Amino acid sequence: MEPSISVIIPVYNSQRYLPQCLDSILSGQGEDVIKEVIVVDDGSSDQTPVIARAYAAADSRVKIISQQNRCCGGARNTGIEASTGQYLAFVDADDILMPGALPHLLSLMGPSVDIAIGRYFRDAAMTHHYAADRSERHTIIGSELANKIMLYRTGFISSPWGRLYRKSAIGDLRFKENLYYEDLDFNYRLLLRTNQVALTHRCLYLYRRNPDSAMSLWDDKRLDVLRVTEWIEADASSRHNPSLLAAAKDRRLSACFNMYALCSSHQRHTMANLCWTEIKRLRRDSLTNSSVRWRNRVAAAVSYLGPTVLRYLGEAFYRNQS
């Protein structure tokens, strides 16, 4: 069978993690499924390009594209444009793909399935369970339901890694550049135009929290989640789909809880006040919505006790989330 998957890795100053990432892809998936591994160097200033070139010299499947920094969305777009595979997989340079992940996801891509999504590990110590986990259990659902699950955050998250995309389903859709939470925006728009989604019970990806990554450090760009969730809520409202709108409102509430906690602890009082105003607007709907996860319902209830109490709750529930 001709290899059919293009793996896209956006890299920026990733010298510490890139070798393990590439090893997990090149030696753990099988040459019969990987057509190419596209490493998009997004303006690194460390030894990342040197490492990538060494791998390219040893394996003809590795292709390197260098560009000026366009952030993660721009790097992924470059990879999409350069890809020639029938399917696309995104892997972050500081993460690891579990052995056999891509063949397993590929096996789920039936004629009407446009995205196959796996579970993931957050702790490397948990990966020892992987060898015993050969579950073939999976669920195939419609894309509208998948969108709601993503927005409610009750089954999978919006990150593009740990899954397989049919390239023809993506078509001309691209990540918005110079934007944080571009993955949430991208996957919401993609699920509006796809058919079915396969969800496997098997953990296929190790997400490693990089202390130097954008999501581990405070940056005002993290406030982009408020813009993205505002767009999503407006789009869902325009579609006159009450159940999708309810999910979109709850995702915005989640973002506002998170940013309220972060802004309060970093003295961003104007943005904290904006989040508080939105929380008051949205909390009743989520409190009475049985599809909402428990922590949002608890936070919605606690918010009626006032912003000070909510701030303390946010420190426990939302500070490290998005």
C-alpha atoms as a PDB file:
ATOM      1  CA  MET A   1       0.000   0.000   0.000  1.00  0.00           C
ATOM      2  CA  GLU A   2       1.357   3.415  -0.935  1.00  0.00           C
ATOM      3  CA  PRO A   3       2.157   5.577   2.121  1.00  0.00           C
ATOM      4  CA  SER A   4      -0.661   8.046   2.572  1.00  0.00           C
ATOM      5  CA  ILE A   5       0.040  10.216   5.645  1.00  0.00           C
ATOM      6  CA  SER A   6       1.866  13.533   5.773  1.00  0.00           C
ATOM      7  CA  VAL A   7       3.044  14.317   9.301  1.00  0.00           C
ATOM      8  CA  ILE A   8       3.462  18.048   9.967  1.00  0.00           C
ATOM      9  CA  ILE A   9       5.653  19.267  12.834  1.00  0.00           C
ATOM     10  CA  PRO A  10       5.832  23.016  13.545  1.00  0.00           C
ATOM     11  CA  VAL A  11       9.094  23.688  15.388  1.00  0.00           C
ATOM     12  CA  TYR A  12      10.494  26.719  17.151  1.00  0.00           C
ATOM     13  CA  ASN A  13      13.574  26.447  19.384  1.00  0.00           C
ATOM     14  CA  SER A  14      12.781  22.800  20.032  1.00  0.00           C
ATOM     15  CA  GLN A  15      16.287  21.340  20.282  1.00  0.00           C
ATOM     16  CA  ARG A  16      15.585  19.724  23.649  1.00  0.00           C
ATOM     17  CA  TYR A  17      12.570  17.712  22.494  1.00  0.00           C
ATOM     18  CA  LEU A  18      12.751  17.312  18.704  1.00  0.00           C
ATOM     19  CA  PRO A  19      14.926  14.147  18.572  1.00  0.00           C
ATOM     20  CA  GLN A  20      12.504  12.156  20.735  1.00  0.00           C
ATOM     21  CA  CYS A  21       9.569  13.481  18.747  1.00  0.00           C
ATOM     22  CA  LEU A  22      11.085  12.491  15.400  1.00  0.00           C
ATOM     23  CA  ASP A  23      12.202   9.096  16.697  1.00  0.00           C
ATOM     24  CA  SER A  24       8.665   8.337  17.850  1.00  0.00           C
ATOM     25  CA  ILE A  25       7.353   9.067  14.366  1.00  0.00           C
ATOM     26  CA  LEU A  26      10.047   7.587  12.143  1.00  0.00           C
ATOM     27  CA  SER A  27      10.682   4.383  14.073  1.00  0.00           C
ATOM     28  CA  GLY A  28       7.342   3.776  15.720  1.00  0.00           C
ATOM     29  CA  GLN A  29       4.748   3.989  12.949  1.00  0.00           C
ATOM     30  CA  GLY A  30       5.819   1.911   9.958  1.00  0.00           C
ATOM     31  CA  GLU A  31       7.027   3.079   6.560  1.00  0.00           C
ATOM     32  CA  ASP A  32       3.902   1.740   4.880  1.00  0.00           C
ATOM     33  CA  VAL A  33       1.745   4.599   6.210  1.00  0.00           C
ATOM     34  CA  ILE A  34       4.048   7.649   6.378  1.00  0.00           C
ATOM     35  CA  LYS A  35       4.655   9.371   3.073  1.00  0.00           C
ATOM     36  CA  GLU A  36       6.558  12.338   4.498  1.00  0.00           C
ATOM     37  CA  VAL A  37       7.418  14.134   7.716  1.00  0.00           C
ATOM     38  CA  ILE A  38       7.383  17.881   7.124  1.00  0.00           C
ATOM     39  CA  VAL A  39       9.374  19.823   9.706  1.00  0.00           C
ATOM     40  CA  VAL A  40       8.466  23.506   9.487  1.00  0.00           C
ATOM     41  CA  ASP A  41      11.172  25.538  11.222  1.00  0.00           C
ATOM     42  CA  ASP A  42       9.414  28.716  12.288  1.00  0.00           C
ATOM     43  CA  GLY A  43      12.486  30.928  12.713  1.00  0.00           C
ATOM     44  CA  SER A  44      14.392  28.965  15.368  1.00  0.00           C
ATOM     45  CA  SER A  45      17.535  30.516  16.822  1.00  0.00           C
ATOM     46  CA  ASP A  46      18.897  27.382  18.560  1.00  0.00           C
ATOM     47  CA  GLN A  47      20.145  24.044  17.168  1.00  0.00           C
ATOM     48  CA  THR A  48      16.713  22.936  15.986  1.00  0.00           C
ATOM     49  CA  PRO A  49      17.546  23.333  12.233  1.00  0.00           C
ATOM     50  CA  VAL A  50      20.783  21.386  12.661  1.00  0.00           C
ATOM     51  CA  ILE A  51      18.954  18.504  14.316  1.00  0.00           C
ATOM     52  CA  ALA A  52      16.262  18.500  11.631  1.00  0.00           C
ATOM     53  CA  ARG A  53      18.843  18.434   8.832  1.00  0.00           C
ATOM     54  CA  ALA A  54      20.591  15.458  10.439  1.00  0.00           C
ATOM     55  CA  TYR A  55      17.335  13.508  10.442  1.00  0.00           C
ATOM     56  CA  ALA A  56      16.602  14.532   6.842  1.00  0.00           C
ATOM     57  CA  ALA A  57      20.024  13.234   5.789  1.00  0.00           C
ATOM     58  CA  ALA A  58      19.287   9.883   7.422  1.00  0.00           C
ATOM     59  CA  ASP A  59      15.673   9.454   6.257  1.00  0.00           C
ATOM     60  CA  SER A  60      14.396  10.653   2.888  1.00  0.00           C
ATOM     61  CA  ARG A  61      10.871  11.016   4.251  1.00  0.00           C
ATOM     62  CA  VAL A  62      11.928  14.019   6.357  1.00  0.00           C
ATOM     63  CA  LYS A  63      11.506  17.352   4.595  1.00  0.00           C
ATOM     64  CA  ILE A  64      12.518  20.682   6.090  1.00  0.00           C
ATOM     65  CA  ILE A  65      10.926  24.048   5.375  1.00  0.00           C
ATOM     66  CA  SER A  66      12.392  27.174   6.978  1.00  0.00           C
ATOM     67  CA  GLN A  67      10.462  30.404   7.326  1.00  0.00           C
ATOM     68  CA  GLN A  68      10.300  33.620   9.287  1.00  0.00           C
ATOM     69  CA  ASN A  69       8.310  33.269  12.482  1.00  0.00           C
ATOM     70  CA  ARG A  70       4.569  33.047  11.764  1.00  0.00           C
ATOM     71  CA  CYS A  71       3.572  31.298  14.995  1.00  0.00           C
ATOM     72  CA  CYS A  72       2.156  27.812  15.188  1.00  0.00           C
ATOM     73  CA  GLY A  73      -0.821  28.419  12.915  1.00  0.00           C
ATOM     74  CA  GLY A  74       1.357  29.829  10.159  1.00  0.00           C
ATOM     75  CA  ALA A  75       3.793  26.917  10.447  1.00  0.00           C
ATOM     76  CA  ARG A  76       0.958  24.403  10.206  1.00  0.00           C
ATOM     77  CA  ASN A  77      -0.428  26.219   7.150  1.00  0.00           C
ATOM     78  CA  THR A  78       2.970  25.969   5.474  1.00  0.00           C
ATOM     79  CA  GLY A  79       2.969  22.245   6.172  1.00  0.00           C
ATOM     80  CA  ILE A  80      -0.531  21.809   4.762  1.00  0.00           C
ATOM     81  CA  GLU A  81       0.427  23.623   1.558  1.00  0.00           C
ATOM     82  CA  ALA A  82       3.538  21.468   1.114  1.00  0.00           C
ATOM     83  CA  SER A  83       1.883  18.142   1.970  1.00  0.00           C
ATOM     84  CA  THR A  84       1.187  15.473  -0.641  1.00  0.00           C
ATOM     85  CA  GLY A  85      -0.416  12.770   1.506  1.00  0.00           C
ATOM     86  CA  GLN A  86      -4.068  11.785   1.488  1.00  0.00           C
ATOM     87  CA  TYR A  87      -4.214  12.275   5.269  1.00  0.00           C
ATOM     88  CA  LEU A  88      -2.594  14.787   7.607  1.00  0.00           C
ATOM     89  CA  ALA A  89      -1.319  14.351  11.156  1.00  0.00           C
ATOM     90  CA  PHE A  90      -0.007  17.224  13.278  1.00  0.00           C
ATOM     91  CA  VAL A  91       2.561  16.559  15.993  1.00  0.00           C
ATOM     92  CA  ASP A  92       4.008  19.223  18.287  1.00  0.00           C
ATOM     93  CA  ALA A  93       7.787  19.117  18.581  1.00  0.00           C
ATOM     94  CA  ASP A  94       7.799  18.649  22.354  1.00  0.00           C
ATOM     95  CA  ASP A  95       5.413  15.670  22.268  1.00  0.00           C
ATOM     96  CA  ILE A  96       5.652  11.973  21.436  1.00  0.00           C
ATOM     97  CA  LEU A  97       3.524   9.774  19.178  1.00  0.00           C
ATOM     98  CA  MET A  98       2.884   6.361  20.683  1.00  0.00           C
ATOM     99  CA  PRO A  99       3.952   3.265  18.688  1.00  0.00           C
ATOM    100  CA  GLY A 100       1.422   2.293  16.058  1.00  0.00           C
ATOM    101  CA  ALA A 101      -0.694   5.417  16.561  1.00  0.00           C
ATOM    102  CA  LEU A 102      -0.902   6.381  12.896  1.00  0.00           C
ATOM    103  CA  PRO A 103      -1.756   2.892  11.557  1.00  0.00           C
ATOM    104  CA  HIS A 104      -4.488   2.621  14.193  1.00  0.00           C
ATOM    105  CA  LEU A 105      -5.986   6.000  13.279  1.00  0.00           C
ATOM    106  CA  LEU A 106      -5.736   5.152   9.587  1.00  0.00           C
ATOM    107  CA  SER A 107      -7.701   1.942  10.184  1.00  0.00           C
ATOM    108  CA  LEU A 108     -10.622   4.057  11.434  1.00  0.00           C
ATOM    109  CA  MET A 109     -10.801   6.264   8.335  1.00  0.00           C
ATOM    110  CA  GLY A 110     -13.814   4.740   6.633  1.00  0.00           C
ATOM    111  CA  PRO A 111     -15.381   6.267   3.498  1.00  0.00           C
ATOM    112  CA  SER A 112     -17.439   8.810   5.447  1.00  0.00           C
ATOM    113  CA  VAL A 113     -14.971   9.442   8.302  1.00  0.00           C
ATOM    114  CA  ASP A 114     -13.011  12.667   7.884  1.00  0.00           C
ATOM    115  CA  ILE A 115     -11.277  12.836  11.286  1.00  0.00           C
ATOM    116  CA  ALA A 116     -10.051  10.064  13.608  1.00  0.00           C
ATOM    117  CA  ILE A 117      -9.264  11.185  17.168  1.00  0.00           C
ATOM    118  CA  GLY A 118      -7.279   9.349  19.832  1.00  0.00           C
ATOM    119  CA  ARG A 119      -6.917   9.884  23.550  1.00  0.00           C
ATOM    120  CA  TYR A 120      -3.683  11.181  25.045  1.00  0.00           C
ATOM    121  CA  PHE A 121      -1.433  10.938  28.071  1.00  0.00           C
ATOM    122  CA  ARG A 122      -0.406  13.983  30.104  1.00  0.00           C
ATOM    123  CA  ASP A 123       2.088  12.084  32.234  1.00  0.00           C
ATOM    124  CA  ALA A 124       4.957  10.045  30.780  1.00  0.00           C
ATOM    125  CA  ALA A 125       4.738   7.703  33.763  1.00  0.00           C
ATOM    126  CA  MET A 126       1.318   6.584  32.521  1.00  0.00           C
ATOM    127  CA  THR A 127       2.578   5.417  29.136  1.00  0.00           C
ATOM    128  CA  HIS A 128       3.660   2.046  30.569  1.00  0.00           C
ATOM    129  CA  HIS A 129      -0.040   1.144  30.353  1.00  0.00           C
ATOM    130  CA  TYR A 130       0.126   1.574  26.580  1.00  0.00           C
ATOM    131  CA  ALA A 131       1.653  -1.826  25.824  1.00  0.00           C
ATOM    132  CA  ALA A 132      -1.336  -3.549  27.413  1.00  0.00           C
ATOM    133  CA  ASP A 133      -3.870  -1.239  25.779  1.00  0.00           C
ATOM    134  CA  ARG A 134      -4.803  -2.701  22.429  1.00  0.00           C
ATOM    135  CA  SER A 135      -8.435  -1.742  22.621  1.00  0.00           C
ATOM    136  CA  GLU A 136     -10.240  -1.737  19.308  1.00  0.00           C
ATOM    137  CA  ARG A 137     -13.199   0.077  20.837  1.00  0.00           C
ATOM    138  CA  HIS A 138     -14.175   3.153  18.935  1.00  0.00           C
ATOM    139  CA  THR A 139     -17.230   5.260  18.288  1.00  0.00           C
ATOM    140  CA  ILE A 140     -18.285   6.953  15.069  1.00  0.00           C
ATOM    141  CA  ILE A 141     -20.385  10.095  15.469  1.00  0.00           C
ATOM    142  CA  GLY A 142     -21.673  12.920  13.339  1.00  0.00           C
ATOM    143  CA  SER A 143     -19.585  16.070  13.023  1.00  0.00           C
ATOM    144  CA  GLU A 144     -22.211  18.290  14.693  1.00  0.00           C
ATOM    145  CA  LEU A 145     -22.169  16.130  17.803  1.00  0.00           C
ATOM    146  CA  ALA A 146     -18.367  16.119  17.680  1.00  0.00           C
ATOM    147  CA  ASN A 147     -18.366  19.917  17.588  1.00  0.00           C
ATOM    148  CA  LYS A 148     -20.590  20.075  20.660  1.00  0.00           C
ATOM    149  CA  ILE A 149     -18.401  17.580  22.528  1.00  0.00           C
ATOM    150  CA  MET A 150     -15.340  19.690  21.714  1.00  0.00           C
ATOM    151  CA  LEU A 151     -17.019  22.914  22.844  1.00  0.00           C
ATOM    152  CA  TYR A 152     -18.308  21.359  26.059  1.00  0.00           C
ATOM    153  CA  ARG A 153     -14.877  19.759  26.561  1.00  0.00           C
ATOM    154  CA  THR A 154     -16.477  16.517  27.636  1.00  0.00           C
ATOM    155  CA  GLY A 155     -14.793  14.034  25.288  1.00  0.00           C
ATOM    156  CA  PHE A 156     -11.832  15.531  23.474  1.00  0.00           C
ATOM    157  CA  ILE A 157     -10.128  18.896  23.209  1.00  0.00           C
ATOM    158  CA  SER A 158      -9.508  21.236  20.287  1.00  0.00           C
ATOM    159  CA  SER A 159      -5.777  20.611  19.768  1.00  0.00           C
ATOM    160  CA  PRO A 160      -4.998  19.245  16.278  1.00  0.00           C
ATOM    161  CA  TRP A 161      -2.474  16.678  17.509  1.00  0.00           C
ATOM    162  CA  GLY A 162      -3.323  13.100  18.371  1.00  0.00           C
ATOM    163  CA  ARG A 163      -5.642  12.699  15.426  1.00  0.00           C
ATOM    164  CA  LEU A 164      -5.753  12.124  11.687  1.00  0.00           C
ATOM    165  CA  TYR A 165      -7.432  14.408   9.146  1.00  0.00           C
ATOM    166  CA  ARG A 166      -8.578  13.637   5.628  1.00  0.00           C
ATOM    167  CA  LYS A 167      -6.811  16.305   3.584  1.00  0.00           C
ATOM    168  CA  SER A 168      -9.667  16.698   1.114  1.00  0.00           C
ATOM    169  CA  ALA A 169     -11.992  17.559   4.029  1.00  0.00           C
ATOM    170  CA  ILE A 170      -9.682  20.397   5.044  1.00  0.00           C
ATOM    171  CA  GLY A 171      -9.612  21.705   1.488  1.00  0.00           C
ATOM    172  CA  ASP A 172      -8.889  25.427   1.503  1.00  0.00           C
ATOM    173  CA  LEU A 173      -9.440  25.817   5.250  1.00  0.00           C
ATOM    174  CA  ARG A 174      -6.408  27.160   7.090  1.00  0.00           C
ATOM    175  CA  PHE A 175      -5.381  28.140  10.607  1.00  0.00           C
ATOM    176  CA  LYS A 176      -5.643  31.817  11.422  1.00  0.00           C
ATOM    177  CA  GLU A 177      -2.131  33.161  11.842  1.00  0.00           C
ATOM    178  CA  ASN A 178      -0.628  35.192  14.676  1.00  0.00           C
ATOM    179  CA  LEU A 179      -3.425  34.002  16.903  1.00  0.00           C
ATOM    180  CA  TYR A 180      -3.409  31.847  20.024  1.00  0.00           C
ATOM    181  CA  TYR A 181      -6.171  29.229  20.256  1.00  0.00           C
ATOM    182  CA  GLU A 182      -6.102  29.032  16.482  1.00  0.00           C
ATOM    183  CA  ASP A 183      -6.711  25.299  16.883  1.00  0.00           C
ATOM    184  CA  LEU A 184     -10.103  25.852  18.521  1.00  0.00           C
ATOM    185  CA  ASP A 185     -11.131  28.183  15.717  1.00  0.00           C
ATOM    186  CA  PHE A 186      -9.814  25.807  13.031  1.00  0.00           C
ATOM    187  CA  ASN A 187     -11.476  22.670  14.366  1.00  0.00           C
ATOM    188  CA  TYR A 188     -14.794  24.405  14.977  1.00  0.00           C
ATOM    189  CA  ARG A 189     -14.891  25.590  11.362  1.00  0.00           C
ATOM    190  CA  LEU A 190     -13.692  22.225  10.052  1.00  0.00           C
ATOM    191  CA  LEU A 191     -16.362  20.280  11.927  1.00  0.00           C
ATOM    192  CA  LEU A 192     -19.018  22.461  10.316  1.00  0.00           C
ATOM    193  CA  ARG A 193     -18.041  21.061   6.919  1.00  0.00           C
ATOM    194  CA  THR A 194     -17.099  17.434   7.577  1.00  0.00           C
ATOM    195  CA  ASN A 195     -19.021  14.177   7.732  1.00  0.00           C
ATOM    196  CA  GLN A 196     -18.295  11.688  10.478  1.00  0.00           C
ATOM    197  CA  VAL A 197     -15.677  11.544  13.239  1.00  0.00           C
ATOM    198  CA  ALA A 198     -14.159   8.384  14.720  1.00  0.00           C
ATOM    199  CA  LEU A 199     -13.226   8.413  18.408  1.00  0.00           C
ATOM    200  CA  THR A 200     -10.895   5.641  19.573  1.00  0.00           C
ATOM    201  CA  HIS A 201     -10.594   4.640  23.225  1.00  0.00           C
ATOM    202  CA  ARG A 202      -6.849   4.065  22.882  1.00  0.00           C
ATOM    203  CA  CYS A 203      -4.300   6.640  24.124  1.00  0.00           C
ATOM    204  CA  LEU A 204      -2.049   7.404  21.165  1.00  0.00           C
ATOM    205  CA  TYR A 205      -0.178  10.562  22.057  1.00  0.00           C
ATOM    206  CA  LEU A 206       1.986  11.856  24.900  1.00  0.00           C
ATOM    207  CA  TYR A 207       1.442  15.544  25.547  1.00  0.00           C
ATOM    208  CA  ARG A 208       4.371  16.978  27.478  1.00  0.00           C
ATOM    209  CA  ARG A 209       3.860  20.306  29.187  1.00  0.00           C
ATOM    210  CA  ASN A 210       6.829  22.419  28.137  1.00  0.00           C
ATOM    211  CA  PRO A 211       7.569  25.032  30.855  1.00  0.00           C
ATOM    212  CA  ASP A 212       8.799  27.404  28.137  1.00  0.00           C
ATOM    213  CA  SER A 213       5.769  27.054  25.876  1.00  0.00           C
ATOM    214  CA  ALA A 214       3.260  29.820  25.246  1.00  0.00           C
ATOM    215  CA  MET A 215       0.567  28.020  27.225  1.00  0.00           C
ATOM    216  CA  SER A 216       2.794  27.652  30.295  1.00  0.00           C
ATOM    217  CA  LEU A 217       3.730  31.330  30.571  1.00  0.00           C
ATOM    218  CA  TRP A 218       1.616  34.448  30.863  1.00  0.00           C
ATOM    219  CA  ASP A 219       1.353  36.386  27.635  1.00  0.00           C
ATOM    220  CA  ASP A 220      -1.337  38.884  26.723  1.00  0.00           C
ATOM    221  CA  LYS A 221      -1.905  36.820  23.574  1.00  0.00           C
ATOM    222  CA  ARG A 222      -3.565  34.220  25.785  1.00  0.00           C
ATOM    223  CA  LEU A 223      -6.489  36.624  25.845  1.00  0.00           C
ATOM    224  CA  ASP A 224      -7.061  35.612  22.210  1.00  0.00           C
ATOM    225  CA  VAL A 225      -9.293  32.848  23.567  1.00  0.00           C
ATOM    226  CA  LEU A 226     -11.866  35.550  24.315  1.00  0.00           C
ATOM    227  CA  ARG A 227     -11.816  36.675  20.693  1.00  0.00           C
ATOM    228  CA  VAL A 228     -12.035  33.133  19.353  1.00  0.00           C
ATOM    229  CA  THR A 229     -14.937  32.120  21.610  1.00  0.00           C
ATOM    230  CA  GLU A 230     -16.742  35.359  20.754  1.00  0.00           C
ATOM    231  CA  TRP A 231     -16.451  34.503  17.043  1.00  0.00           C
ATOM    232  CA  ILE A 232     -17.690  30.974  17.650  1.00  0.00           C
ATOM    233  CA  GLU A 233     -20.682  32.137  19.673  1.00  0.00           C
ATOM    234  CA  ALA A 234     -21.587  34.688  16.974  1.00  0.00           C
ATOM    235  CA  ASP A 235     -21.297  32.065  14.230  1.00  0.00           C
ATOM    236  CA  ALA A 236     -23.372  29.522  16.142  1.00  0.00           C
ATOM    237  CA  SER A 237     -26.025  32.185  16.763  1.00  0.00           C
ATOM    238  CA  SER A 238     -26.198  32.966  13.037  1.00  0.00           C
ATOM    239  CA  ARG A 239     -26.918  29.305  12.251  1.00  0.00           C
ATOM    240  CA  HIS A 240     -30.142  29.241  14.297  1.00  0.00           C
ATOM    241  CA  ASN A 241     -29.077  25.977  15.885  1.00  0.00           C
ATOM    242  CA  PRO A 242     -30.025  26.210  19.593  1.00  0.00           C
ATOM    243  CA  SER A 243     -28.033  23.168  20.743  1.00  0.00           C
ATOM    244  CA  LEU A 244     -24.852  24.305  18.967  1.00  0.00           C
ATOM    245  CA  LEU A 245     -25.313  27.818  20.358  1.00  0.00           C
ATOM    246  CA  ALA A 246     -25.675  26.428  23.885  1.00  0.00           C
ATOM    247  CA  ALA A 247     -22.365  24.591  23.487  1.00  0.00           C
ATOM    248  CA  ALA A 248     -20.697  27.691  22.071  1.00  0.00           C
ATOM    249  CA  LYS A 249     -21.911  29.808  24.981  1.00  0.00           C
ATOM    250  CA  ASP A 250     -20.577  27.310  27.492  1.00  0.00           C
ATOM    251  CA  ARG A 251     -17.162  27.255  25.745  1.00  0.00           C
ATOM    252  CA  ARG A 252     -17.073  31.034  26.014  1.00  0.00           C
ATOM    253  CA  LEU A 253     -18.025  30.822  29.668  1.00  0.00           C
ATOM    254  CA  SER A 254     -15.170  28.370  30.204  1.00  0.00           C
ATOM    255  CA  ALA A 255     -12.747  30.808  28.574  1.00  0.00           C
ATOM    256  CA  CYS A 256     -14.057  33.668  30.703  1.00  0.00           C
ATOM    257  CA  PHE A 257     -13.652  31.668  33.924  1.00  0.00           C
ATOM    258  CA  ASN A 258     -10.080  30.824  32.951  1.00  0.00           C
ATOM    259  CA  MET A 259      -9.115  34.334  31.872  1.00  0.00           C
ATOM    260  CA  TYR A 260     -10.834  35.868  34.887  1.00  0.00           C
ATOM    261  CA  ALA A 261      -8.599  33.810  37.175  1.00  0.00           C
ATOM    262  CA  LEU A 262      -5.463  34.594  35.172  1.00  0.00           C
ATOM    263  CA  CYS A 263      -6.190  38.292  34.735  1.00  0.00           C
ATOM    264  CA  SER A 264      -6.998  38.708  38.419  1.00  0.00           C
ATOM    265  CA  SER A 265      -3.702  37.123  39.467  1.00  0.00           C
ATOM    266  CA  HIS A 266      -1.718  39.189  36.930  1.00  0.00           C
ATOM    267  CA  GLN A 267      -3.367  42.524  37.745  1.00  0.00           C
ATOM    268  CA  ARG A 268      -5.153  42.815  34.374  1.00  0.00           C
ATOM    269  CA  HIS A 269      -8.158  44.460  35.983  1.00  0.00           C
ATOM    270  CA  THR A 270      -9.844  45.780  32.817  1.00  0.00           C
ATOM    271  CA  MET A 271      -9.889  42.352  31.200  1.00  0.00           C
ATOM    272  CA  ALA A 272     -10.911  40.707  34.471  1.00  0.00           C
ATOM    273  CA  ASN A 273     -13.918  43.048  34.624  1.00  0.00           C
ATOM    274  CA  LEU A 274     -14.828  42.203  31.031  1.00  0.00           C
ATOM    275  CA  CYS A 275     -14.712  38.494  31.876  1.00  0.00           C
ATOM    276  CA  TRP A 276     -16.857  39.063  34.963  1.00  0.00           C
ATOM    277  CA  THR A 277     -19.483  40.840  32.849  1.00  0.00           C
ATOM    278  CA  GLU A 278     -19.553  37.906  30.417  1.00  0.00           C
ATOM    279  CA  ILE A 279     -19.744  35.384  33.253  1.00  0.00           C
ATOM    280  CA  LYS A 280     -22.850  37.109  34.585  1.00  0.00           C
ATOM    281  CA  ARG A 281     -24.398  37.046  31.097  1.00  0.00           C
ATOM    282  CA  LEU A 282     -23.709  33.360  30.466  1.00  0.00           C
ATOM    283  CA  ARG A 283     -23.809  31.623  33.843  1.00  0.00           C
ATOM    284  CA  ARG A 284     -27.533  30.956  34.065  1.00  0.00           C
ATOM    285  CA  ASP A 285     -27.672  29.106  30.747  1.00  0.00           C
ATOM    286  CA  SER A 286     -24.778  26.837  31.685  1.00  0.00           C
ATOM    287  CA  LEU A 287     -26.084  26.270  35.200  1.00  0.00           C
ATOM    288  CA  THR A 288     -29.333  24.880  33.790  1.00  0.00           C
ATOM    289  CA  ASN A 289     -27.743  22.952  30.904  1.00  0.00           C
ATOM    290  CA  SER A 290     -27.297  19.254  31.712  1.00  0.00           C
ATOM    291  CA  SER A 291     -24.665  18.877  28.954  1.00  0.00           C
ATOM    292  CA  VAL A 292     -22.259  21.220  30.763  1.00  0.00           C
ATOM    293  CA  ARG A 293     -19.376  19.575  32.646  1.00  0.00           C
ATOM    294  CA  TRP A 294     -19.542  19.681  36.407  1.00  0.00           C
ATOM    295  CA  ARG A 295     -16.779  22.238  37.019  1.00  0.00           C
ATOM    296  CA  ASN A 296     -18.472  24.859  34.865  1.00  0.00           C
ATOM    297  CA  ARG A 297     -21.778  24.273  36.641  1.00  0.00           C
ATOM    298  CA  VAL A 298     -20.095  24.561  40.042  1.00  0.00           C
ATOM    299  CA  ALA A 299     -18.285  27.739  38.984  1.00  0.00           C
ATOM    300  CA  ALA A 300     -21.501  29.189  37.578  1.00  0.00           C
ATOM    301  CA  ALA A 301     -23.236  28.562  40.909  1.00  0.00           C
ATOM    302  CA  VAL A 302     -20.329  29.956  42.945  1.00  0.00           C
ATOM    303  CA  SER A 303     -20.226  33.091  40.802  1.00  0.00           C
ATOM    304  CA  TYR A 304     -23.514  34.176  42.398  1.00  0.00           C
ATOM    305  CA  LEU A 305     -21.544  34.590  45.628  1.00  0.00           C
ATOM    306  CA  GLY A 306     -19.536  37.364  43.996  1.00  0.00           C
ATOM    307  CA  PRO A 307     -16.239  37.927  42.166  1.00  0.00           C
ATOM    308  CA  THR A 308     -13.978  37.470  45.188  1.00  0.00           C
ATOM    309  CA  VAL A 309     -15.210  33.949  45.910  1.00  0.00           C
ATOM    310  CA  LEU A 310     -15.053  33.089  42.203  1.00  0.00           C
ATOM    311  CA  ARG A 311     -11.468  34.312  42.026  1.00  0.00           C
ATOM    312  CA  TYR A 312     -10.410  31.838  44.708  1.00  0.00           C
ATOM    313  CA  LEU A 313     -12.269  29.049  42.938  1.00  0.00           C
ATOM    314  CA  GLY A 314     -10.586  30.018  39.677  1.00  0.00           C
ATOM    315  CA  GLU A 315      -7.171  29.538  41.243  1.00  0.00           C
ATOM    316  CA  ALA A 316      -8.085  25.900  41.858  1.00  0.00           C
ATOM    317  CA  PHE A 317     -10.142  25.077  38.772  1.00  0.00           C
ATOM    318  CA  TYR A 318      -9.146  27.239  35.839  1.00  0.00           C
ATOM    319  CA  ARG A 319      -5.767  28.915  36.196  1.00  0.00           C
ATOM    320  CA  ASN A 320      -3.886  26.303  34.148  1.00  0.00           C
ATOM    321  CA  GLN A 321      -6.635  25.628  31.679  1.00  0.00           C
ATOM    322  CA  SER A 322      -7.901  27.352  28.580  1.00  0.00           C
END
